[in-house]
PDB file of N, CA and C in Angstrom:
ATOM      1  N   UNK A   1      57.567 -22.610  35.009  1.00  0.00           N
ATOM      2  CA  UNK A   1      57.794 -24.031  35.042  1.00  0.00           C
ATOM      3  C   UNK A   1      56.470 -24.794  34.908  1.00  0.00           C
ATOM      4  N   UNK A   2      55.410 -24.283  35.539  1.00  0.00           N
ATOM      5  CA  UNK A   2      54.115 -24.960  35.438  1.00  0.00           C
ATOM      6  C   UNK A   2      53.616 -25.005  34.004  1.00  0.00           C
ATOM      7  N   UNK A   3      53.810 -23.916  33.272  1.00  0.00           N
ATOM      8  CA  UNK A   3      53.343 -23.877  31.884  1.00  0.00           C
ATOM      9  C   UNK A   3      54.081 -24.900  31.037  1.00  0.00           C
ATOM     10  N   UNK A   4      55.377 -25.042  31.258  1.00  0.00           N
ATOM     11  CA  UNK A   4      56.154 -26.023  30.507  1.00  0.00           C
ATOM     12  C   UNK A   4      55.689 -27.436  30.822  1.00  0.00           C
ATOM     13  N   UNK A   5      55.487 -27.723  32.097  1.00  0.00           N
ATOM     14  CA  UNK A   5      55.007 -29.046  32.481  1.00  0.00           C
ATOM     15  C   UNK A   5      53.624 -29.311  31.907  1.00  0.00           C
ATOM     16  N   UNK A   6      52.773 -28.300  31.926  1.00  0.00           N
ATOM     17  CA  UNK A   6      51.430 -28.463  31.380  1.00  0.00           C
ATOM     18  C   UNK A   6      51.489 -28.765  29.885  1.00  0.00           C
ATOM     19  N   UNK A   7      52.372 -28.093  29.169  1.00  0.00           N
ATOM     20  CA  UNK A   7      52.498 -28.331  27.730  1.00  0.00           C
ATOM     21  C   UNK A   7      52.958 -29.764  27.462  1.00  0.00           C
ATOM     22  N   UNK A   8      53.932 -30.246  28.213  1.00  0.00           N
ATOM     23  CA  UNK A   8      54.390 -31.629  28.042  1.00  0.00           C
ATOM     24  C   UNK A   8      53.281 -32.616  28.394  1.00  0.00           C
ATOM     25  N   UNK A   9      52.522 -32.310  29.452  1.00  0.00           N
ATOM     26  CA  UNK A   9      51.436 -33.191  29.862  1.00  0.00           C
ATOM     27  C   UNK A   9      50.360 -33.261  28.780  1.00  0.00           C
ATOM     28  N   UNK A  10      50.002 -32.133  28.213  1.00  0.00           N
ATOM     29  CA  UNK A  10      48.988 -32.124  27.147  1.00  0.00           C
ATOM     30  C   UNK A  10      49.489 -32.898  25.932  1.00  0.00           C
ATOM     31  N   UNK A  11      50.727 -32.651  25.530  1.00  0.00           N
ATOM     32  CA  UNK A  11      51.278 -33.355  24.371  1.00  0.00           C
ATOM     33  C   UNK A  11      51.334 -34.865  24.625  1.00  0.00           C
ATOM     34  N   UNK A  12      51.787 -35.258  25.776  1.00  0.00           N
ATOM     35  CA  UNK A  12      51.855 -36.679  26.119  1.00  0.00           C
ATOM     36  C   UNK A  12      50.485 -37.322  26.176  1.00  0.00           C
ATOM     37  N   UNK A  13      49.524 -36.604  26.723  1.00  0.00           N
ATOM     38  CA  UNK A  13      48.160 -37.127  26.797  1.00  0.00           C
ATOM     39  C   UNK A  13      47.565 -37.312  25.413  1.00  0.00           C
ATOM     40  N   UNK A  14      47.790 -36.341  24.541  1.00  0.00           N
ATOM     41  CA  UNK A  14      47.264 -36.459  23.178  1.00  0.00           C
ATOM     42  C   UNK A  14      47.905 -37.622  22.434  1.00  0.00           C
ATOM     43  N   UNK A  15      49.206 -37.808  22.605  1.00  0.00           N
ATOM     44  CA  UNK A  15      49.879 -38.941  21.961  1.00  0.00           C
ATOM     45  C   UNK A  15      49.377 -40.274  22.518  1.00  0.00           C
ATOM     46  N   UNK A  16      49.173 -40.335  23.820  1.00  0.00           N
ATOM     47  CA  UNK A  16      48.652 -41.559  24.432  1.00  0.00           C
ATOM     48  C   UNK A  16      47.242 -41.865  23.938  1.00  0.00           C
ATOM     49  N   UNK A  17      46.411 -40.840  23.888  1.00  0.00           N
ATOM     50  CA  UNK A  17      45.047 -41.027  23.407  1.00  0.00           C
ATOM     51  C   UNK A  17      45.031 -41.473  21.943  1.00  0.00           C
ATOM     52  N   UNK A  18      45.890 -40.872  21.127  1.00  0.00           N
ATOM     53  CA  UNK A  18      45.973 -41.270  19.723  1.00  0.00           C
ATOM     54  C   UNK A  18      46.400 -42.733  19.601  1.00  0.00           C
ATOM     55  N   UNK A  19      47.367 -43.131  20.404  1.00  0.00           N
ATOM     56  CA  UNK A  19      47.810 -44.518  20.387  1.00  0.00           C
ATOM     57  C   UNK A  19      46.711 -45.483  20.807  1.00  0.00           C
ATOM     58  N   UNK A  20      45.952 -45.116  21.814  1.00  0.00           N
ATOM     59  CA  UNK A  20      44.841 -45.963  22.253  1.00  0.00           C
ATOM     60  C   UNK A  20      43.757 -46.054  21.187  1.00  0.00           C
ATOM     61  N   UNK A  21      43.476 -44.927  20.542  1.00  0.00           N
ATOM     62  CA  UNK A  21      42.477 -44.938  19.476  1.00  0.00           C
ATOM     63  C   UNK A  21      42.920 -45.815  18.305  1.00  0.00           C
ATOM     64  N   UNK A  22      44.180 -45.673  17.907  1.00  0.00           N
ATOM     65  CA  UNK A  22      44.710 -46.478  16.801  1.00  0.00           C
ATOM     66  C   UNK A  22      44.700 -47.964  17.160  1.00  0.00           C
ATOM     67  N   UNK A  23      45.003 -48.260  18.407  1.00  0.00           N
ATOM     68  CA  UNK A  23      45.038 -49.652  18.850  1.00  0.00           C
ATOM     69  C   UNK A  23      43.674 -50.237  19.165  1.00  0.00           C
ATOM     70  N   UNK A  24      42.621 -49.438  19.043  1.00  0.00           N
ATOM     71  CA  UNK A  24      41.280 -49.943  19.314  1.00  0.00           C
ATOM     72  C   UNK A  24      40.990 -50.195  20.770  1.00  0.00           C
ATOM     73  N   UNK A  25      41.667 -49.483  21.660  1.00  0.00           N
ATOM     74  CA  UNK A  25      41.514 -49.697  23.092  1.00  0.00           C
ATOM     75  C   UNK A  25      40.504 -48.770  23.749  1.00  0.00           C
ATOM     76  N   UNK A  26      39.905 -47.871  22.982  1.00  0.00           N
ATOM     77  CA  UNK A  26      38.922 -46.940  23.533  1.00  0.00           C
ATOM     78  C   UNK A  26      37.540 -47.494  23.234  1.00  0.00           C
ATOM     79  N   UNK A  27      36.793 -47.779  24.305  1.00  0.00           N
ATOM     80  CA  UNK A  27      35.432 -48.276  24.131  1.00  0.00           C
ATOM     81  C   UNK A  27      34.460 -47.390  24.908  1.00  0.00           C
ATOM     82  N   UNK A  28      33.199 -47.743  24.913  1.00  0.00           N
ATOM     83  CA  UNK A  28      32.174 -46.925  25.566  1.00  0.00           C
ATOM     84  C   UNK A  28      32.436 -46.798  27.064  1.00  0.00           C
ATOM     85  N   UNK A  29      32.941 -47.847  27.683  1.00  0.00           N
ATOM     86  CA  UNK A  29      33.228 -47.789  29.119  1.00  0.00           C
ATOM     87  C   UNK A  29      34.311 -46.775  29.448  1.00  0.00           C
ATOM     88  N   UNK A  30      35.333 -46.713  28.603  1.00  0.00           N
ATOM     89  CA  UNK A  30      36.415 -45.750  28.818  1.00  0.00           C
ATOM     90  C   UNK A  30      35.912 -44.322  28.632  1.00  0.00           C
ATOM     91  N   UNK A  31      35.081 -44.118  27.628  1.00  0.00           N
ATOM     92  CA  UNK A  31      34.530 -42.782  27.390  1.00  0.00           C
ATOM     93  C   UNK A  31      33.621 -42.378  28.547  1.00  0.00           C
ATOM     94  N   UNK A  32      32.831 -43.304  29.053  1.00  0.00           N
ATOM     95  CA  UNK A  32      31.947 -43.014  30.186  1.00  0.00           C
ATOM     96  C   UNK A  32      32.765 -42.696  31.439  1.00  0.00           C
ATOM     97  N   UNK A  33      33.826 -43.437  31.689  1.00  0.00           N
ATOM     98  CA  UNK A  33      34.678 -43.160  32.844  1.00  0.00           C
ATOM     99  C   UNK A  33      35.318 -41.780  32.723  1.00  0.00           C
ATOM    100  N   UNK A  34      35.737 -41.417  31.520  1.00  0.00           N
ATOM    101  CA  UNK A  34      36.317 -40.091  31.310  1.00  0.00           C
ATOM    102  C   UNK A  34      35.278 -39.000  31.538  1.00  0.00           C
ATOM    103  N   UNK A  35      34.054 -39.238  31.097  1.00  0.00           N
ATOM    104  CA  UNK A  35      32.994 -38.244  31.278  1.00  0.00           C
ATOM    105  C   UNK A  35      32.689 -38.019  32.750  1.00  0.00           C
ATOM    106  N   UNK A  36      32.792 -39.066  33.550  1.00  0.00           N
ATOM    107  CA  UNK A  36      32.553 -38.931  34.991  1.00  0.00           C
ATOM    108  C   UNK A  36      33.609 -38.019  35.629  1.00  0.00           C
ATOM    109  N   UNK A  37      34.823 -38.040  35.093  1.00  0.00           N
ATOM    110  CA  UNK A  37      35.921 -37.256  35.677  1.00  0.00           C
ATOM    111  C   UNK A  37      35.934 -35.793  35.238  1.00  0.00           C
ATOM    112  N   UNK A  38      35.194 -35.444  34.211  1.00  0.00           N
ATOM    113  CA  UNK A  38      35.220 -34.070  33.693  1.00  0.00           C
ATOM    114  C   UNK A  38      34.840 -33.027  34.743  1.00  0.00           C
ATOM    115  N   UNK A  39      33.779 -33.228  35.555  1.00  0.00           N
ATOM    116  CA  UNK A  39      33.467 -32.208  36.571  1.00  0.00           C
ATOM    117  C   UNK A  39      34.611 -31.977  37.564  1.00  0.00           C
ATOM    118  N   UNK A  40      35.324 -33.033  37.910  1.00  0.00           N
ATOM    119  CA  UNK A  40      36.451 -32.898  38.835  1.00  0.00           C
ATOM    120  C   UNK A  40      37.613 -32.157  38.180  1.00  0.00           C
ATOM    121  N   UNK A  41      37.813 -32.384  36.901  1.00  0.00           N
ATOM    122  CA  UNK A  41      38.829 -31.659  36.158  1.00  0.00           C
ATOM    123  C   UNK A  41      38.511 -30.168  36.150  1.00  0.00           C
ATOM    124  N   UNK A  42      37.261 -29.833  35.885  1.00  0.00           N
ATOM    125  CA  UNK A  42      36.848 -28.426  35.860  1.00  0.00           C
ATOM    126  C   UNK A  42      36.959 -27.791  37.244  1.00  0.00           C
ATOM    127  N   UNK A  43      36.597 -28.541  38.285  1.00  0.00           N
ATOM    128  CA  UNK A  43      36.723 -28.019  39.653  1.00  0.00           C
ATOM    129  C   UNK A  43      38.187 -27.774  40.006  1.00  0.00           C
ATOM    130  N   UNK A  44      39.063 -28.681  39.634  1.00  0.00           N
ATOM    131  CA  UNK A  44      40.493 -28.496  39.888  1.00  0.00           C
ATOM    132  C   UNK A  44      41.046 -27.294  39.155  1.00  0.00           C
ATOM    133  N   UNK A  45      40.610 -27.116  37.922  1.00  0.00           N
ATOM    134  CA  UNK A  45      41.053 -25.961  37.148  1.00  0.00           C
ATOM    135  C   UNK A  45      40.575 -24.666  37.799  1.00  0.00           C
ATOM    136  N   UNK A  46      39.323 -24.655  38.272  1.00  0.00           N
ATOM    137  CA  UNK A  46      38.770 -23.453  38.905  1.00  0.00           C
ATOM    138  C   UNK A  46      39.460 -23.136  40.232  1.00  0.00           C
ATOM    139  N   UNK A  47      39.874 -24.170  40.959  1.00  0.00           N
ATOM    140  CA  UNK A  47      40.512 -23.966  42.262  1.00  0.00           C
ATOM    141  C   UNK A  47      42.013 -23.749  42.179  1.00  0.00           C
ATOM    142  N   UNK A  48      42.605 -23.952  41.005  1.00  0.00           N
ATOM    143  CA  UNK A  48      44.059 -23.880  40.906  1.00  0.00           C
ATOM    144  C   UNK A  48      44.609 -22.476  41.154  1.00  0.00           C
ATOM    145  N   UNK A  49      43.935 -21.456  40.675  1.00  0.00           N
ATOM    146  CA  UNK A  49      44.443 -20.095  40.887  1.00  0.00           C
ATOM    147  C   UNK A  49      44.385 -19.691  42.353  1.00  0.00           C
ATOM    148  N   UNK A  50      43.258 -19.887  43.053  1.00  0.00           N
ATOM    149  CA  UNK A  50      43.267 -19.559  44.489  1.00  0.00           C
ATOM    150  C   UNK A  50      44.248 -20.414  45.286  1.00  0.00           C
ATOM    151  N   UNK A  51      44.397 -21.678  44.904  1.00  0.00           N
ATOM    152  CA  UNK A  51      45.302 -22.559  45.641  1.00  0.00           C
ATOM    153  C   UNK A  51      46.754 -22.166  45.432  1.00  0.00           C
ATOM    154  N   UNK A  52      47.049 -21.565  44.293  1.00  0.00           N
ATOM    155  CA  UNK A  52      48.433 -21.162  44.010  1.00  0.00           C
ATOM    156  C   UNK A  52      48.938 -20.168  45.054  1.00  0.00           C
ATOM    157  N   UNK A  53      48.067 -19.308  45.522  1.00  0.00           N
ATOM    158  CA  UNK A  53      48.480 -18.340  46.552  1.00  0.00           C
ATOM    159  C   UNK A  53      48.902 -19.033  47.838  1.00  0.00           C
ATOM    160  N   UNK A  54      48.274 -20.147  48.147  1.00  0.00           N
ATOM    161  CA  UNK A  54      48.615 -20.891  49.355  1.00  0.00           C
ATOM    162  C   UNK A  54      49.866 -21.744  49.169  1.00  0.00           C
ATOM    163  N   UNK A  55      50.050 -22.272  47.974  1.00  0.00           N
ATOM    164  CA  UNK A  55      51.143 -23.209  47.740  1.00  0.00           C
ATOM    165  C   UNK A  55      52.469 -22.540  47.430  1.00  0.00           C
ATOM    166  N   UNK A  56      52.466 -21.328  46.952  1.00  0.00           N
ATOM    167  CA  UNK A  56      53.705 -20.650  46.584  1.00  0.00           C
ATOM    168  C   UNK A  56      54.309 -19.881  47.756  1.00  0.00           C
ATOM    169  N   UNK A  57      54.371 -20.496  48.904  1.00  0.00           N
ATOM    170  CA  UNK A  57      54.921 -19.834  50.080  1.00  0.00           C
ATOM    171  C   UNK A  57      56.243 -20.439  50.539  1.00  0.00           C
ATOM    172  N   UNK A  58      56.903 -21.168  49.651  1.00  0.00           N
ATOM    173  CA  UNK A  58      58.226 -21.679  49.973  1.00  0.00           C
ATOM    174  C   UNK A  58      58.265 -23.090  50.514  1.00  0.00           C
ATOM    175  N   UNK A  59      57.124 -23.690  50.808  1.00  0.00           N
ATOM    176  CA  UNK A  59      57.166 -25.037  51.355  1.00  0.00           C
ATOM    177  C   UNK A  59      56.753 -26.097  50.345  1.00  0.00           C
ATOM    178  N   UNK A  60      56.384 -25.702  49.144  1.00  0.00           N
ATOM    179  CA  UNK A  60      55.956 -26.676  48.152  1.00  0.00           C
ATOM    180  C   UNK A  60      57.107 -27.588  47.727  1.00  0.00           C
ATOM    181  N   UNK A  61      58.253 -26.997  47.427  1.00  0.00           N
ATOM    182  CA  UNK A  61      59.393 -27.808  46.979  1.00  0.00           C
ATOM    183  C   UNK A  61      59.820 -28.820  48.034  1.00  0.00           C
ATOM    184  N   UNK A  62      60.012 -28.417  49.300  1.00  0.00           N
ATOM    185  CA  UNK A  62      60.369 -29.425  50.309  1.00  0.00           C
ATOM    186  C   UNK A  62      59.289 -30.495  50.488  1.00  0.00           C
ATOM    187  N   UNK A  63      58.023 -30.121  50.352  1.00  0.00           N
ATOM    188  CA  UNK A  63      56.948 -31.102  50.489  1.00  0.00           C
ATOM    189  C   UNK A  63      56.986 -32.110  49.342  1.00  0.00           C
ATOM    190  N   UNK A  64      57.223 -31.636  48.126  1.00  0.00           N
ATOM    191  CA  UNK A  64      57.301 -32.541  46.975  1.00  0.00           C
ATOM    192  C   UNK A  64      58.512 -33.461  47.105  1.00  0.00           C
ATOM    193  N   UNK A  65      59.647 -32.914  47.533  1.00  0.00           N
ATOM    194  CA  UNK A  65      60.841 -33.742  47.715  1.00  0.00           C
ATOM    195  C   UNK A  65      60.632 -34.785  48.810  1.00  0.00           C
ATOM    196  N   UNK A  66      59.960 -34.407  49.889  1.00  0.00           N
ATOM    197  CA  UNK A  66      59.684 -35.352  50.969  1.00  0.00           C
ATOM    198  C   UNK A  66      58.751 -36.459  50.492  1.00  0.00           C
ATOM    199  N   UNK A  67      57.747 -36.102  49.724  1.00  0.00           N
ATOM    200  CA  UNK A  67      56.825 -37.103  49.200  1.00  0.00           C
ATOM    201  C   UNK A  67      57.537 -38.057  48.240  1.00  0.00           C
ATOM    202  N   UNK A  68      58.402 -37.519  47.378  1.00  0.00           N
ATOM    203  CA  UNK A  68      59.159 -38.359  46.454  1.00  0.00           C
ATOM    204  C   UNK A  68      60.106 -39.286  47.221  1.00  0.00           C
ATOM    205  N   UNK A  69      60.751 -38.763  48.249  1.00  0.00           N
ATOM    206  CA  UNK A  69      61.655 -39.589  49.058  1.00  0.00           C
ATOM    207  C   UNK A  69      60.886 -40.688  49.778  1.00  0.00           C
ATOM    208  N   UNK A  70      59.722 -40.364  50.311  1.00  0.00           N
ATOM    209  CA  UNK A  70      58.904 -41.372  50.997  1.00  0.00           C
ATOM    210  C   UNK A  70      58.469 -42.459  50.022  1.00  0.00           C
ATOM    211  N   UNK A  71      58.105 -42.077  48.816  1.00  0.00           N
ATOM    212  CA  UNK A  71      57.737 -43.069  47.799  1.00  0.00           C
ATOM    213  C   UNK A  71      58.904 -43.964  47.441  1.00  0.00           C
ATOM    214  N   UNK A  72      60.096 -43.379  47.328  1.00  0.00           N
ATOM    215  CA  UNK A  72      61.288 -44.168  47.015  1.00  0.00           C
ATOM    216  C   UNK A  72      61.610 -45.150  48.142  1.00  0.00           C
ATOM    217  N   UNK A  73      61.510 -44.686  49.373  1.00  0.00           N
ATOM    218  CA  UNK A  73      61.768 -45.566  50.521  1.00  0.00           C
ATOM    219  C   UNK A  73      60.743 -46.691  50.566  1.00  0.00           C
ATOM    220  N   UNK A  74      59.481 -46.378  50.313  1.00  0.00           N
ATOM    221  CA  UNK A  74      58.439 -47.400  50.303  1.00  0.00           C
ATOM    222  C   UNK A  74      58.704 -48.428  49.204  1.00  0.00           C
ATOM    223  N   UNK A  75      59.122 -47.976  48.045  1.00  0.00           N
ATOM    224  CA  UNK A  75      59.423 -48.903  46.949  1.00  0.00           C
ATOM    225  C   UNK A  75      60.619 -49.783  47.282  1.00  0.00           C
ATOM    226  N   UNK A  76      61.642 -49.201  47.884  1.00  0.00           N
ATOM    227  CA  UNK A  76      62.805 -49.997  48.290  1.00  0.00           C
ATOM    228  C   UNK A  76      62.422 -51.020  49.354  1.00  0.00           C
ATOM    229  N   UNK A  77      61.590 -50.608  50.309  1.00  0.00           N
ATOM    230  CA  UNK A  77      61.155 -51.533  51.355  1.00  0.00           C
ATOM    231  C   UNK A  77      60.321 -52.665  50.762  1.00  0.00           C
ATOM    232  N   UNK A  78      59.433 -52.332  49.843  1.00  0.00           N
ATOM    233  CA  UNK A  78      58.608 -53.350  49.203  1.00  0.00           C
ATOM    234  C   UNK A  78      59.457 -54.348  48.419  1.00  0.00           C
ATOM    235  N   UNK A  79      60.476 -53.838  47.737  1.00  0.00           N
ATOM    236  CA  UNK A  79      61.368 -54.697  46.970  1.00  0.00           C
ATOM    237  C   UNK A  79      62.172 -55.603  47.893  1.00  0.00           C
ATOM    238  N   UNK A  80      62.652 -55.042  48.998  1.00  0.00           N
ATOM    239  CA  UNK A  80      63.461 -55.816  49.916  1.00  0.00           C
ATOM    240  C   UNK A  80      62.641 -56.898  50.632  1.00  0.00           C
ATOM    241  N   UNK A  81      61.376 -56.599  50.914  1.00  0.00           N
ATOM    242  CA  UNK A  81      60.537 -57.545  51.646  1.00  0.00           C
ATOM    243  C   UNK A  81      59.834 -58.544  50.731  1.00  0.00           C
ATOM    244  N   UNK A  82      59.678 -58.196  49.476  1.00  0.00           N
ATOM    245  CA  UNK A  82      58.885 -59.062  48.600  1.00  0.00           C
ATOM    246  C   UNK A  82      59.690 -59.768  47.617  1.00  0.00           C
TER     247      UNK A  82
END
């Protein structure tokens, strides 16, 4: 499942980047901001394999569902109050 999601993410990112380039929305500031994030991307990639051993213990799915539910409740509360 991770590989499928990664493939969709890469394809979507490339399409988004192409659209921004065509629209003239990529400037030096955007490239500099992206360059600042590259070390963090590499660190995340390097840590993903060791972290997988910790996350694949059966509690990842309930944690993701709880986080999604909390976000939905927060959005509903914000809509109701604002």
